[in-house]
PDB file of N, CA and C in Angstrom:
ATOM      1  N   MET A   1     106.625 104.876  96.966  1.00  0.00           N
ATOM      2  CA  MET A   1     107.992 104.475  97.112  1.00  0.00           C
ATOM      3  C   MET A   1     108.779 105.660  97.688  1.00  0.00           C
ATOM      4  N   VAL A   2     109.540 105.375  98.728  1.00  0.00           N
ATOM      5  CA  VAL A   2     110.450 106.369  99.298  1.00  0.00           C
ATOM      6  C   VAL A   2     111.840 105.751  99.264  1.00  0.00           C
ATOM      7  N   LEU A   3     112.762 106.421  98.590  1.00  0.00           N
ATOM      8  CA  LEU A   3     114.152 105.994  98.513  1.00  0.00           C
ATOM      9  C   LEU A   3     115.002 107.073  99.144  1.00  0.00           C
ATOM     10  N   HIS A   4     115.917 106.667 100.025  1.00  0.00           N
ATOM     11  CA  HIS A   4     116.709 107.655 100.748  1.00  0.00           C
ATOM     12  C   HIS A   4     118.122 107.125 100.953  1.00  0.00           C
ATOM     13  N   GLY A   5     119.102 107.996 100.853  1.00  0.00           N
ATOM     14  CA  GLY A   5     120.494 107.623 101.090  1.00  0.00           C
ATOM     15  C   GLY A   5     120.992 108.194 102.404  1.00  0.00           C
ATOM     16  N   THR A   6     121.871 107.445 103.072  1.00  0.00           N
ATOM     17  CA  THR A   6     122.377 107.903 104.367  1.00  0.00           C
ATOM     18  C   THR A   6     123.325 109.086 104.247  1.00  0.00           C
ATOM     19  N   LYS A   7     123.825 109.361 103.050  1.00  0.00           N
ATOM     20  CA  LYS A   7     124.708 110.519 102.847  1.00  0.00           C
ATOM     21  C   LYS A   7     123.985 111.650 102.114  1.00  0.00           C
ATOM     22  N   ASP A   8     122.676 111.653 102.197  1.00  0.00           N
ATOM     23  CA  ASP A   8     121.851 112.700 101.595  1.00  0.00           C
ATOM     24  C   ASP A   8     122.107 114.007 102.356  1.00  0.00           C
ATOM     25  N   ASN A   9     122.568 115.029 101.652  1.00  0.00           N
ATOM     26  CA  ASN A   9     122.831 116.329 102.271  1.00  0.00           C
ATOM     27  C   ASN A   9     121.620 117.252 102.249  1.00  0.00           C
ATOM     28  N   MET A  10     120.539 116.827 101.611  1.00  0.00           N
ATOM     29  CA  MET A  10     119.341 117.666 101.530  1.00  0.00           C
ATOM     30  C   MET A  10     118.290 117.256 102.554  1.00  0.00           C
ATOM     31  N   ILE A  11     118.135 115.949 102.760  1.00  0.00           N
ATOM     32  CA  ILE A  11     117.137 115.432 103.697  1.00  0.00           C
ATOM     33  C   ILE A  11     117.864 114.501 104.661  1.00  0.00           C
ATOM     34  N   SER A  12     117.766 114.764 105.947  1.00  0.00           N
ATOM     35  CA  SER A  12     118.477 113.952 106.937  1.00  0.00           C
ATOM     36  C   SER A  12     117.885 112.545 107.013  1.00  0.00           C
ATOM     37  N   VAL A  13     118.677 111.608 107.511  1.00  0.00           N
ATOM     38  CA  VAL A  13     118.208 110.229 107.659  1.00  0.00           C
ATOM     39  C   VAL A  13     116.986 110.154 108.576  1.00  0.00           C
ATOM     40  N   PRO A  14     116.977 110.853 109.730  1.00  0.00           N
ATOM     41  CA  PRO A  14     115.764 110.804 110.555  1.00  0.00           C
ATOM     42  C   PRO A  14     114.517 111.282 109.803  1.00  0.00           C
ATOM     43  N   HIS A  15     114.684 112.304 108.958  1.00  0.00           N
ATOM     44  CA  HIS A  15     113.545 112.775 108.172  1.00  0.00           C
ATOM     45  C   HIS A  15     113.151 111.745 107.110  1.00  0.00           C
ATOM     46  N   GLY A  16     114.131 111.067 106.527  1.00  0.00           N
ATOM     47  CA  GLY A  16     113.824 110.004 105.573  1.00  0.00           C
ATOM     48  C   GLY A  16     113.046 108.878 106.240  1.00  0.00           C
ATOM     49  N   ARG A  17     113.474 108.505 107.442  1.00  0.00           N
ATOM     50  CA  ARG A  17     112.755 107.460 108.188  1.00  0.00           C
ATOM     51  C   ARG A  17     111.334 107.929 108.529  1.00  0.00           C
ATOM     52  N   LYS A  18     111.208 109.205 108.875  1.00  0.00           N
ATOM     53  CA  LYS A  18     109.887 109.756 109.215  1.00  0.00           C
ATOM     54  C   LYS A  18     108.973 109.732 107.988  1.00  0.00           C
ATOM     55  N   LEU A  19     109.511 110.062 106.826  1.00  0.00           N
ATOM     56  CA  LEU A  19     108.718 109.988 105.589  1.00  0.00           C
ATOM     57  C   LEU A  19     108.186 108.575 105.368  1.00  0.00           C
ATOM     58  N   ILE A  20     109.065 107.595 105.536  1.00  0.00           N
ATOM     59  CA  ILE A  20     108.648 106.201 105.349  1.00  0.00           C
ATOM     60  C   ILE A  20     107.583 105.842 106.370  1.00  0.00           C
ATOM     61  N   GLU A  21     107.797 106.257 107.613  1.00  0.00           N
ATOM     62  CA  GLU A  21     106.829 105.955 108.672  1.00  0.00           C
ATOM     63  C   GLU A  21     105.474 106.604 108.404  1.00  0.00           C
ATOM     64  N   MET A  22     105.480 107.859 108.002  1.00  0.00           N
ATOM     65  CA  MET A  22     104.228 108.599 107.813  1.00  0.00           C
ATOM     66  C   MET A  22     103.500 108.193 106.528  1.00  0.00           C
ATOM     67  N   LEU A  23     104.243 108.006 105.446  1.00  0.00           N
ATOM     68  CA  LEU A  23     103.611 107.696 104.162  1.00  0.00           C
ATOM     69  C   LEU A  23     103.269 106.217 104.024  1.00  0.00           C
ATOM     70  N   GLN A  24     103.986 105.363 104.737  1.00  0.00           N
ATOM     71  CA  GLN A  24     103.812 103.916 104.649  1.00  0.00           C
ATOM     72  C   GLN A  24     103.738 103.460 103.185  1.00  0.00           C
ATOM     73  N   PRO A  25     104.802 103.749 102.444  1.00  0.00           N
ATOM     74  CA  PRO A  25     104.792 103.380 101.031  1.00  0.00           C
ATOM     75  C   PRO A  25     104.912 101.865 100.869  1.00  0.00           C
ATOM     76  N   GLY A  26     104.580 101.387  99.704  1.00  0.00           N
ATOM     77  CA  GLY A  26     104.761  99.972  99.419  1.00  0.00           C
ATOM     78  C   GLY A  26     106.227  99.584  99.488  1.00  0.00           C
ATOM     79  N   THR A  27     107.102 100.522  99.159  1.00  0.00           N
ATOM     80  CA  THR A  27     108.542 100.303  99.221  1.00  0.00           C
ATOM     81  C   THR A  27     109.182 101.490  99.914  1.00  0.00           C
ATOM     82  N   GLY A  28     109.943 101.223 100.946  1.00  0.00           N
ATOM     83  CA  GLY A  28     110.705 102.251 101.656  1.00  0.00           C
ATOM     84  C   GLY A  28     112.121 101.747 101.868  1.00  0.00           C
ATOM     85  N   VAL A  29     113.096 102.440 101.278  1.00  0.00           N
ATOM     86  CA  VAL A  29     114.486 101.986 101.327  1.00  0.00           C
ATOM     87  C   VAL A  29     115.372 103.114 101.817  1.00  0.00           C
ATOM     88  N   ILE A  30     116.234 102.794 102.778  1.00  0.00           N
ATOM     89  CA  ILE A  30     117.304 103.707 103.182  1.00  0.00           C
ATOM     90  C   ILE A  30     118.597 102.987 102.838  1.00  0.00           C
ATOM     91  N   LYS A  31     119.331 103.551 101.891  1.00  0.00           N
ATOM     92  CA  LYS A  31     120.521 102.900 101.341  1.00  0.00           C
ATOM     93  C   LYS A  31     121.777 103.528 101.944  1.00  0.00           C
ATOM     94  N   GLU A  32     122.644 102.677 102.482  1.00  0.00           N
ATOM     95  CA  GLU A  32     123.890 103.128 103.099  1.00  0.00           C
ATOM     96  C   GLU A  32     124.826 103.772 102.078  1.00  0.00           C
ATOM     97  N   ASP A  33     125.517 104.813 102.518  1.00  0.00           N
ATOM     98  CA  ASP A  33     126.568 105.483 101.737  1.00  0.00           C
ATOM     99  C   ASP A  33     126.108 106.030 100.403  1.00  0.00           C
ATOM    100  N   ARG A  34     124.821 106.389 100.284  1.00  0.00           N
ATOM    101  CA  ARG A  34     124.308 106.990  99.062  1.00  0.00           C
ATOM    102  C   ARG A  34     123.755 108.367  99.371  1.00  0.00           C
ATOM    103  N   GLY A  35     123.748 109.223  98.365  1.00  0.00           N
ATOM    104  CA  GLY A  35     123.294 110.591  98.549  1.00  0.00           C
ATOM    105  C   GLY A  35     121.838 110.796  98.166  1.00  0.00           C
ATOM    106  N   HIS A  36     121.535 112.014  97.755  1.00  0.00           N
ATOM    107  CA  HIS A  36     120.157 112.407  97.478  1.00  0.00           C
ATOM    108  C   HIS A  36     119.607 111.787  96.196  1.00  0.00           C
ATOM    109  N   VAL A  37     120.475 111.480  95.253  1.00  0.00           N
ATOM    110  CA  VAL A  37     120.012 110.936  93.968  1.00  0.00           C
ATOM    111  C   VAL A  37     120.670 109.587  93.684  1.00  0.00           C
ATOM    112  N   PHE A  38     120.556 108.680  94.661  1.00  0.00           N
ATOM    113  CA  PHE A  38     121.243 107.401  94.458  1.00  0.00           C
ATOM    114  C   PHE A  38     120.624 106.592  93.346  1.00  0.00           C
ATOM    115  N   MET A  39     119.449 106.978  92.850  1.00  0.00           N
ATOM    116  CA  MET A  39     118.885 106.293  91.693  1.00  0.00           C
ATOM    117  C   MET A  39     119.736 106.537  90.451  1.00  0.00           C
ATOM    118  N   ILE A  40     120.548 107.566  90.501  1.00  0.00           N
ATOM    119  CA  ILE A  40     121.526 107.795  89.433  1.00  0.00           C
ATOM    120  C   ILE A  40     122.852 107.153  89.821  1.00  0.00           C
ATOM    121  N   GLU A  41     123.219 107.265  91.105  1.00  0.00           N
ATOM    122  CA  GLU A  41     124.471 106.684  91.587  1.00  0.00           C
ATOM    123  C   GLU A  41     124.475 105.163  91.422  1.00  0.00           C
ATOM    124  N   GLU A  42     123.322 104.536  91.620  1.00  0.00           N
ATOM    125  CA  GLU A  42     123.191 103.080  91.486  1.00  0.00           C
ATOM    126  C   GLU A  42     122.026 102.766  90.556  1.00  0.00           C
ATOM    127  N   TRP A  43     122.129 103.240  89.336  1.00  0.00           N
ATOM    128  CA  TRP A  43     121.008 103.149  88.407  1.00  0.00           C
ATOM    129  C   TRP A  43     120.626 101.714  88.082  1.00  0.00           C
ATOM    130  N   ARG A  44     121.577 100.796  88.035  1.00  0.00           N
ATOM    131  CA  ARG A  44     121.213  99.400  87.740  1.00  0.00           C
ATOM    132  C   ARG A  44     120.318  98.837  88.835  1.00  0.00           C
ATOM    133  N   TRP A  45     120.726  99.036  90.090  1.00  0.00           N
ATOM    134  CA  TRP A  45     119.925  98.569  91.231  1.00  0.00           C
ATOM    135  C   TRP A  45     118.541  99.202  91.188  1.00  0.00           C
ATOM    136  N   HIS A  46     118.493 100.503  90.967  1.00  0.00           N
ATOM    137  CA  HIS A  46     117.235 101.239  90.929  1.00  0.00           C
ATOM    138  C   HIS A  46     116.336 100.707  89.808  1.00  0.00           C
ATOM    139  N   ASN A  47     116.898 100.552  88.612  1.00  0.00           N
ATOM    140  CA  ASN A  47     116.104 100.075  87.477  1.00  0.00           C
ATOM    141  C   ASN A  47     115.571  98.666  87.719  1.00  0.00           C
ATOM    142  N   GLU A  48     116.391  97.786  88.300  1.00  0.00           N
ATOM    143  CA  GLU A  48     115.932  96.433  88.601  1.00  0.00           C
ATOM    144  C   GLU A  48     114.790  96.454  89.618  1.00  0.00           C
ATOM    145  N   MET A  49     114.885  97.337  90.602  1.00  0.00           N
ATOM    146  CA  MET A  49     113.824  97.447  91.599  1.00  0.00           C
ATOM    147  C   MET A  49     112.526  97.915  90.937  1.00  0.00           C
ATOM    148  N   ILE A  50     112.604  98.918  90.087  1.00  0.00           N
ATOM    149  CA  ILE A  50     111.422  99.436  89.393  1.00  0.00           C
ATOM    150  C   ILE A  50     110.835  98.361  88.480  1.00  0.00           C
ATOM    151  N   GLU A  51     111.692  97.665  87.747  1.00  0.00           N
ATOM    152  CA  GLU A  51     111.214  96.594  86.871  1.00  0.00           C
ATOM    153  C   GLU A  51     110.475  95.529  87.665  1.00  0.00           C
ATOM    154  N   GLY A  52     111.002  95.170  88.830  1.00  0.00           N
ATOM    155  CA  GLY A  52     110.342  94.190  89.683  1.00  0.00           C
ATOM    156  C   GLY A  52     108.976  94.661  90.139  1.00  0.00           C
ATOM    157  N   MET A  53     108.872  95.931  90.476  1.00  0.00           N
ATOM    158  CA  MET A  53     107.588  96.490  90.899  1.00  0.00           C
ATOM    159  C   MET A  53     106.583  96.451  89.744  1.00  0.00           C
ATOM    160  N   VAL A  54     107.028  96.805  88.557  1.00  0.00           N
ATOM    161  CA  VAL A  54     106.144  96.792  87.382  1.00  0.00           C
ATOM    162  C   VAL A  54     105.681  95.365  87.092  1.00  0.00           C
ATOM    163  N   GLU A  55     106.594  94.409  87.199  1.00  0.00           N
ATOM    164  CA  GLU A  55     106.225  93.007  86.964  1.00  0.00           C
ATOM    165  C   GLU A  55     105.172  92.538  87.965  1.00  0.00           C
ATOM    166  N   ARG A  56     105.316  92.918  89.234  1.00  0.00           N
ATOM    167  CA  ARG A  56     104.327  92.529  90.245  1.00  0.00           C
ATOM    168  C   ARG A  56     102.958  93.127  89.938  1.00  0.00           C
ATOM    169  N   VAL A  57     102.932  94.377  89.499  1.00  0.00           N
ATOM    170  CA  VAL A  57     101.659  95.018  89.146  1.00  0.00           C
ATOM    171  C   VAL A  57     101.037  94.320  87.939  1.00  0.00           C
ATOM    172  N   GLU A  58     101.857  93.982  86.953  1.00  0.00           N
ATOM    173  CA  GLU A  58     101.329  93.282  85.776  1.00  0.00           C
ATOM    174  C   GLU A  58     100.748  91.927  86.165  1.00  0.00           C
ATOM    175  N   GLU A  59     101.429  91.215  87.061  1.00  0.00           N
ATOM    176  CA  GLU A  59     100.913  89.925  87.528  1.00  0.00           C
ATOM    177  C   GLU A  59      99.582  90.110  88.254  1.00  0.00           C
ATOM    178  N   MET A  60      99.486  91.133  89.082  1.00  0.00           N
ATOM    179  CA  MET A  60      98.246  91.405  89.794  1.00  0.00           C
ATOM    180  C   MET A  60      97.112  91.722  88.813  1.00  0.00           C
ATOM    181  N   ARG A  61      97.434  92.490  87.785  1.00  0.00           N
ATOM    182  CA  ARG A  61      96.448  92.859  86.773  1.00  0.00           C
ATOM    183  C   ARG A  61      95.937  91.609  86.050  1.00  0.00           C
ATOM    184  N   GLU A  62      96.854  90.719  85.719  1.00  0.00           N
ATOM    185  CA  GLU A  62      96.474  89.484  85.031  1.00  0.00           C
ATOM    186  C   GLU A  62      95.583  88.610  85.923  1.00  0.00           C
ATOM    187  N   GLN A  63      95.783  88.681  87.226  1.00  0.00           N
ATOM    188  CA  GLN A  63      94.991  87.890  88.167  1.00  0.00           C
ATOM    189  C   GLN A  63      93.670  88.585  88.536  1.00  0.00           C
ATOM    190  N   GLY A  64      93.477  89.774  87.975  1.00  0.00           N
ATOM    191  CA  GLY A  64      92.245  90.503  88.226  1.00  0.00           C
ATOM    192  C   GLY A  64      92.185  91.196  89.566  1.00  0.00           C
ATOM    193  N   LYS A  65      93.324  91.498  90.159  1.00  0.00           N
ATOM    194  CA  LYS A  65      93.347  92.170  91.471  1.00  0.00           C
ATOM    195  C   LYS A  65      93.432  93.654  91.329  1.00  0.00           C
TER     196      LYS A  65
END
C-alpha cells in the first residue's frame, strides 16, 4: 500500500506516483489536499480503507486462496 498526499512537503507528488508505479502495490492512493501523514488527518477514511483490506484478506483465507 502506498498512500500519498498532494500537499506532502517531504515527498513530491511525482515521487509518490513513481513509488506507486515502481512498487505496484495492491493499493496506491494519491489524495488531494493532504500532507505527509494524511492517515492522521483523515483517520476515519484511512481506518475504513484498512478495515476493508483486512476483510478482503479474511474472505480470501476462508475461500482457501
